[in-house]
């Protein structure tokens, strides 16, 4: 998986994490809907765990950058005038939506490394 593919996939999944919110609730933002937040976080987490397992920490970080871009771009482009007005604040608050996927990707990488070393020595 090249870095470009990671960025593009991250952008798509970051946007998808916002797209699901109005589909499962009457809210646009993940911050305002519990089930939408859960689904979006799960989508991004599965992706970063996979990337962490098969690649490396740098790839996880690249995926997170793509997710971050996708979240902010989608909210700005499709959120209406209110989202545009709050776009500057979203650049900071959307960082919190990247924490769980980041931790999951790093944890998956660490577990894979320990598992591989244990299997090689076992």
N, C-alpha and C. Protein backbone atom coordinates (compact mmCIF):
# COMPACT_ATOMS: atom_id res chain seq x y z
N UNK A 1 0.85 -1.17 0.00
CA UNK A 1 0.00 0.00 0.00
C UNK A 1 0.90 1.24 0.00
N UNK A 2 0.87 1.96 -1.06
CA UNK A 2 1.68 3.17 -1.15
C UNK A 2 1.08 4.27 -0.30
N UNK A 3 1.91 5.25 0.02
CA UNK A 3 1.46 6.36 0.87
C UNK A 3 0.30 7.13 0.22
N UNK A 4 0.32 7.26 -1.10
CA UNK A 4 -0.75 7.97 -1.79
C UNK A 4 -2.09 7.26 -1.59
N UNK A 5 -2.06 5.95 -1.68
CA UNK A 5 -3.28 5.17 -1.47
C UNK A 5 -3.76 5.32 -0.03
N UNK A 6 -2.84 5.36 0.92
CA UNK A 6 -3.21 5.56 2.32
C UNK A 6 -3.88 6.92 2.52
N UNK A 7 -3.33 7.95 1.92
CA UNK A 7 -3.91 9.30 2.04
C UNK A 7 -5.32 9.32 1.43
N UNK A 8 -5.44 8.79 0.22
CA UNK A 8 -6.74 8.81 -0.46
C UNK A 8 -7.77 7.99 0.30
N UNK A 9 -7.40 6.82 0.75
CA UNK A 9 -8.32 5.99 1.54
C UNK A 9 -8.68 6.69 2.84
N UNK A 10 -7.70 7.30 3.48
CA UNK A 10 -7.96 8.05 4.70
C UNK A 10 -8.92 9.20 4.47
N UNK A 11 -8.74 9.93 3.38
CA UNK A 11 -9.65 11.04 3.06
C UNK A 11 -11.07 10.51 2.87
N UNK A 12 -11.21 9.44 2.12
CA UNK A 12 -12.52 8.85 1.89
C UNK A 12 -13.16 8.40 3.21
N UNK A 13 -12.41 7.71 4.05
CA UNK A 13 -12.97 7.20 5.30
C UNK A 13 -13.23 8.32 6.31
N UNK A 14 -12.40 9.35 6.30
CA UNK A 14 -12.65 10.51 7.15
C UNK A 14 -13.96 11.18 6.78
N UNK A 15 -14.19 11.33 5.48
CA UNK A 15 -15.46 11.90 5.02
C UNK A 15 -16.62 10.96 5.34
N UNK A 16 -16.40 9.66 5.15
CA UNK A 16 -17.45 8.68 5.44
C UNK A 16 -17.87 8.71 6.91
N UNK A 17 -16.91 9.00 7.78
CA UNK A 17 -17.24 9.07 9.21
C UNK A 17 -18.23 10.20 9.51
N UNK A 18 -18.28 11.19 8.63
CA UNK A 18 -19.27 12.27 8.76
C UNK A 18 -20.53 11.97 7.96
N UNK A 19 -20.38 11.29 6.83
CA UNK A 19 -21.52 10.96 5.98
C UNK A 19 -22.53 10.10 6.73
N UNK A 20 -22.06 9.17 7.56
CA UNK A 20 -22.97 8.25 8.25
C UNK A 20 -23.84 8.95 9.29
N UNK A 21 -23.39 10.06 9.81
CA UNK A 21 -24.12 10.71 10.91
C UNK A 21 -25.56 11.09 10.55
N UNK A 22 -25.80 11.83 9.47
CA UNK A 22 -27.19 12.14 9.14
C UNK A 22 -27.98 10.92 8.67
N UNK A 23 -27.31 9.86 8.29
CA UNK A 23 -28.00 8.64 7.88
C UNK A 23 -28.59 7.88 9.07
N UNK A 24 -27.96 8.03 10.23
CA UNK A 24 -28.41 7.29 11.41
C UNK A 24 -29.03 8.19 12.47
N UNK A 25 -29.01 9.49 12.23
CA UNK A 25 -29.61 10.43 13.18
C UNK A 25 -30.05 11.68 12.42
N UNK A 26 -30.52 12.64 13.14
CA UNK A 26 -30.93 13.90 12.52
C UNK A 26 -29.82 14.95 12.59
N UNK A 27 -28.64 14.55 12.95
CA UNK A 27 -27.51 15.48 13.14
C UNK A 27 -26.49 15.31 12.04
N UNK A 28 -25.76 16.39 11.75
CA UNK A 28 -24.72 16.38 10.72
C UNK A 28 -23.37 15.98 11.30
N UNK A 29 -23.09 16.43 12.51
CA UNK A 29 -21.76 16.26 13.09
C UNK A 29 -21.67 15.02 13.97
N UNK A 30 -20.53 14.32 13.93
CA UNK A 30 -20.34 13.17 14.82
C UNK A 30 -20.40 13.56 16.30
N UNK A 31 -20.02 14.80 16.61
CA UNK A 31 -20.03 15.25 18.00
C UNK A 31 -21.44 15.26 18.58
N UNK A 32 -22.45 15.36 17.71
CA UNK A 32 -23.82 15.52 18.15
C UNK A 32 -24.64 14.23 18.12
N UNK A 33 -24.07 13.14 17.67
CA UNK A 33 -24.81 11.90 17.57
C UNK A 33 -23.97 10.74 18.09
N UNK A 34 -24.49 10.03 19.06
CA UNK A 34 -23.75 8.92 19.65
C UNK A 34 -23.50 7.78 18.69
N UNK A 35 -24.56 7.33 18.01
CA UNK A 35 -24.41 6.19 17.10
C UNK A 35 -23.58 6.56 15.87
N UNK A 36 -23.74 7.78 15.37
CA UNK A 36 -22.94 8.24 14.24
C UNK A 36 -21.46 8.34 14.61
N UNK A 37 -21.20 8.83 15.79
CA UNK A 37 -19.82 8.90 16.28
C UNK A 37 -19.22 7.51 16.40
N UNK A 38 -19.99 6.58 16.97
CA UNK A 38 -19.51 5.20 17.14
C UNK A 38 -19.21 4.55 15.80
N UNK A 39 -20.11 4.69 14.85
CA UNK A 39 -19.90 4.07 13.53
C UNK A 39 -18.69 4.70 12.84
N UNK A 40 -18.60 6.02 12.87
CA UNK A 40 -17.47 6.70 12.24
C UNK A 40 -16.14 6.32 12.86
N UNK A 41 -16.10 6.29 14.18
CA UNK A 41 -14.87 5.90 14.87
C UNK A 41 -14.49 4.46 14.55
N UNK A 42 -15.50 3.60 14.48
CA UNK A 42 -15.25 2.19 14.17
C UNK A 42 -14.66 2.02 12.77
N UNK A 43 -15.21 2.75 11.81
CA UNK A 43 -14.71 2.68 10.43
C UNK A 43 -13.24 3.10 10.38
N UNK A 44 -12.94 4.23 10.99
CA UNK A 44 -11.57 4.75 10.96
C UNK A 44 -10.63 3.86 11.77
N UNK A 45 -11.11 3.34 12.90
CA UNK A 45 -10.29 2.47 13.74
C UNK A 45 -9.92 1.19 13.00
N UNK A 46 -10.88 0.56 12.35
CA UNK A 46 -10.58 -0.68 11.61
C UNK A 46 -9.52 -0.44 10.55
N UNK A 47 -9.62 0.68 9.87
CA UNK A 47 -8.63 1.01 8.84
C UNK A 47 -7.24 1.19 9.44
N UNK A 48 -7.13 1.97 10.49
CA UNK A 48 -5.81 2.24 11.06
C UNK A 48 -5.22 1.00 11.75
N UNK A 49 -6.07 0.17 12.32
CA UNK A 49 -5.58 -1.09 12.91
C UNK A 49 -5.00 -1.96 11.80
N UNK A 50 -5.71 -2.05 10.69
CA UNK A 50 -5.19 -2.82 9.55
C UNK A 50 -3.85 -2.26 9.07
N UNK A 51 -3.80 -0.94 8.89
CA UNK A 51 -2.56 -0.31 8.42
C UNK A 51 -1.43 -0.55 9.42
N UNK A 52 -1.72 -0.40 10.70
CA UNK A 52 -0.70 -0.65 11.72
C UNK A 52 -0.22 -2.08 11.73
N UNK A 53 -1.12 -3.01 11.47
CA UNK A 53 -0.75 -4.43 11.49
C UNK A 53 0.13 -4.80 10.31
N UNK A 54 -0.20 -4.28 9.12
CA UNK A 54 0.53 -4.71 7.92
C UNK A 54 1.66 -3.77 7.50
N UNK A 55 1.69 -2.55 8.02
CA UNK A 55 2.71 -1.61 7.59
C UNK A 55 3.60 -1.19 8.76
N UNK A 56 3.61 0.11 9.06
CA UNK A 56 4.47 0.64 10.12
C UNK A 56 3.82 1.90 10.70
N UNK A 57 4.48 2.48 11.69
CA UNK A 57 3.94 3.66 12.37
C UNK A 57 3.82 4.84 11.40
N UNK A 58 4.79 5.01 10.53
CA UNK A 58 4.74 6.11 9.57
C UNK A 58 3.48 6.00 8.71
N UNK A 59 3.14 4.81 8.29
CA UNK A 59 1.95 4.60 7.48
C UNK A 59 0.68 4.90 8.26
N UNK A 60 0.68 4.57 9.55
CA UNK A 60 -0.47 4.91 10.40
C UNK A 60 -0.63 6.43 10.45
N UNK A 61 0.47 7.14 10.62
CA UNK A 61 0.41 8.60 10.67
C UNK A 61 -0.07 9.19 9.35
N UNK A 62 0.37 8.63 8.23
CA UNK A 62 -0.09 9.09 6.92
C UNK A 62 -1.59 8.85 6.79
N UNK A 63 -2.07 7.70 7.22
CA UNK A 63 -3.50 7.39 7.19
C UNK A 63 -4.29 8.38 8.04
N UNK A 64 -3.77 8.72 9.21
CA UNK A 64 -4.44 9.68 10.10
C UNK A 64 -4.51 11.06 9.45
N UNK A 65 -3.45 11.46 8.77
CA UNK A 65 -3.48 12.75 8.06
C UNK A 65 -4.58 12.75 7.01
N UNK A 66 -4.71 11.65 6.28
CA UNK A 66 -5.78 11.54 5.29
C UNK A 66 -7.15 11.61 5.93
N UNK A 67 -7.33 10.91 7.03
CA UNK A 67 -8.60 10.94 7.77
C UNK A 67 -8.93 12.37 8.20
N UNK A 68 -7.95 13.04 8.75
CA UNK A 68 -8.14 14.42 9.21
C UNK A 68 -8.56 15.34 8.07
N UNK A 69 -7.88 15.22 6.94
CA UNK A 69 -8.23 16.03 5.77
C UNK A 69 -9.65 15.71 5.31
N UNK A 70 -9.98 14.44 5.25
CA UNK A 70 -11.30 14.03 4.80
C UNK A 70 -12.43 14.54 5.68
N UNK A 71 -12.22 14.49 6.99
CA UNK A 71 -13.24 14.99 7.92
C UNK A 71 -13.48 16.48 7.71
N UNK A 72 -12.41 17.22 7.67
CA UNK A 72 -12.53 18.67 7.56
C UNK A 72 -13.03 19.11 6.20
N UNK A 73 -12.57 18.46 5.14
CA UNK A 73 -13.02 18.81 3.79
C UNK A 73 -14.51 18.53 3.63
N UNK A 74 -14.95 17.37 4.11
CA UNK A 74 -16.37 17.03 3.98
C UNK A 74 -17.24 18.02 4.76
N UNK A 75 -16.85 18.30 5.99
CA UNK A 75 -17.64 19.22 6.80
C UNK A 75 -17.70 20.60 6.16
N UNK A 76 -16.60 21.06 5.60
CA UNK A 76 -16.56 22.38 4.98
C UNK A 76 -17.38 22.41 3.69
N UNK A 77 -17.25 21.38 2.88
CA UNK A 77 -17.90 21.38 1.57
C UNK A 77 -19.40 21.09 1.64
N UNK A 78 -19.81 20.27 2.60
CA UNK A 78 -21.20 19.83 2.62
C UNK A 78 -21.97 20.23 3.87
N UNK A 79 -21.34 20.98 4.76
CA UNK A 79 -21.96 21.31 6.02
C UNK A 79 -22.84 22.54 6.03
N UNK A 80 -22.89 23.25 4.97
CA UNK A 80 -23.71 24.44 4.94
C UNK A 80 -23.00 25.64 5.55
N UNK A 81 -23.74 26.72 5.68
CA UNK A 81 -23.14 27.97 6.14
C UNK A 81 -22.67 27.90 7.59
N UNK A 82 -23.36 27.13 8.42
CA UNK A 82 -22.93 27.02 9.82
C UNK A 82 -21.59 26.30 9.93
N UNK A 83 -21.41 25.23 9.16
CA UNK A 83 -20.15 24.50 9.19
C UNK A 83 -19.01 25.35 8.64
N UNK A 84 -19.29 26.14 7.63
CA UNK A 84 -18.26 27.02 7.07
C UNK A 84 -17.85 28.06 8.12
N UNK A 85 -18.84 28.59 8.84
CA UNK A 85 -18.55 29.58 9.88
C UNK A 85 -17.69 29.00 11.00
N UNK A 86 -17.87 27.71 11.29
CA UNK A 86 -17.14 27.06 12.37
C UNK A 86 -15.92 26.29 11.87
N UNK A 87 -15.55 26.43 10.61
CA UNK A 87 -14.47 25.65 10.01
C UNK A 87 -13.14 25.81 10.75
N UNK A 88 -12.83 27.00 11.18
CA UNK A 88 -11.58 27.23 11.91
C UNK A 88 -11.53 26.44 13.21
N UNK A 89 -12.62 26.43 13.94
CA UNK A 89 -12.68 25.67 15.19
C UNK A 89 -12.64 24.17 14.92
N UNK A 90 -13.26 23.75 13.83
CA UNK A 90 -13.26 22.32 13.48
C UNK A 90 -11.86 21.80 13.23
N UNK A 91 -10.98 22.64 12.72
CA UNK A 91 -9.60 22.21 12.49
C UNK A 91 -8.95 21.73 13.79
N UNK A 92 -9.38 22.28 14.91
CA UNK A 92 -8.85 21.85 16.21
C UNK A 92 -9.67 20.72 16.82
N UNK A 93 -10.99 20.84 16.78
CA UNK A 93 -11.82 19.83 17.45
C UNK A 93 -11.80 18.49 16.72
N UNK A 94 -11.61 18.50 15.41
CA UNK A 94 -11.59 17.22 14.69
C UNK A 94 -10.34 16.40 15.00
N UNK A 95 -9.35 17.02 15.60
CA UNK A 95 -8.18 16.26 16.05
C UNK A 95 -8.61 15.19 17.05
N UNK A 96 -9.60 15.52 17.89
CA UNK A 96 -10.07 14.54 18.87
C UNK A 96 -10.72 13.33 18.22
N UNK A 97 -11.27 13.51 17.01
CA UNK A 97 -11.86 12.38 16.30
C UNK A 97 -10.79 11.46 15.72
N UNK A 98 -9.54 11.89 15.73
CA UNK A 98 -8.44 11.08 15.21
C UNK A 98 -7.69 10.32 16.30
N UNK A 99 -8.00 10.59 17.56
CA UNK A 99 -7.24 9.98 18.66
C UNK A 99 -7.44 8.48 18.73
N UNK A 100 -8.68 8.02 18.72
CA UNK A 100 -8.94 6.58 18.84
C UNK A 100 -8.34 5.81 17.66
N UNK A 101 -8.55 6.27 16.42
CA UNK A 101 -7.90 5.58 15.30
C UNK A 101 -6.37 5.58 15.41
N UNK A 102 -5.79 6.67 15.86
CA UNK A 102 -4.33 6.74 16.02
C UNK A 102 -3.84 5.74 17.06
N UNK A 103 -4.47 5.74 18.21
CA UNK A 103 -4.08 4.81 19.27
C UNK A 103 -4.25 3.36 18.80
N UNK A 104 -5.35 3.08 18.11
CA UNK A 104 -5.59 1.73 17.62
C UNK A 104 -4.54 1.29 16.62
N UNK A 105 -4.16 2.17 15.70
CA UNK A 105 -3.13 1.84 14.72
C UNK A 105 -1.77 1.60 15.35
N UNK A 106 -1.41 2.45 16.30
CA UNK A 106 -0.13 2.28 16.99
C UNK A 106 -0.13 1.00 17.83
N UNK A 107 -1.24 0.74 18.50
CA UNK A 107 -1.35 -0.49 19.31
C UNK A 107 -1.25 -1.73 18.43
N UNK A 108 -1.92 -1.71 17.29
CA UNK A 108 -1.85 -2.85 16.38
C UNK A 108 -0.42 -3.08 15.90
N UNK A 109 0.29 -1.99 15.61
CA UNK A 109 1.68 -2.13 15.18
C UNK A 109 2.53 -2.74 16.29
N UNK A 110 2.34 -2.25 17.52
CA UNK A 110 3.10 -2.78 18.65
C UNK A 110 2.80 -4.24 18.90
N UNK A 111 1.54 -4.61 18.86
CA UNK A 111 1.16 -6.02 19.07
C UNK A 111 1.76 -6.89 17.97
N UNK A 112 1.71 -6.42 16.74
CA UNK A 112 2.27 -7.20 15.63
C UNK A 112 3.77 -7.41 15.79
N UNK A 113 4.47 -6.38 16.19
CA UNK A 113 5.92 -6.49 16.38
C UNK A 113 6.23 -7.48 17.49
N UNK A 114 5.55 -7.36 18.63
CA UNK A 114 5.79 -8.27 19.75
C UNK A 114 5.43 -9.70 19.34
N UNK A 115 4.31 -9.86 18.68
CA UNK A 115 3.86 -11.19 18.23
C UNK A 115 4.88 -11.81 17.28
N UNK A 116 5.37 -11.02 16.34
CA UNK A 116 6.35 -11.52 15.35
C UNK A 116 7.64 -11.93 16.03
N UNK A 117 8.10 -11.14 16.97
CA UNK A 117 9.33 -11.48 17.68
C UNK A 117 9.16 -12.72 18.54
N UNK A 118 8.01 -12.83 19.16
CA UNK A 118 7.74 -14.00 20.00
C UNK A 118 7.67 -15.27 19.12
N UNK A 119 7.03 -15.15 17.96
CA UNK A 119 6.93 -16.31 17.06
C UNK A 119 8.29 -16.70 16.52
N UNK A 120 9.15 -15.72 16.25
CA UNK A 120 10.49 -16.00 15.73
C UNK A 120 11.35 -16.68 16.79
N UNK A 121 11.14 -16.32 18.06
CA UNK A 121 11.93 -16.90 19.14
C UNK A 121 11.33 -18.18 19.69
N UNK A 122 10.05 -18.43 19.38
CA UNK A 122 9.32 -19.53 19.98
C UNK A 122 9.52 -20.81 19.29
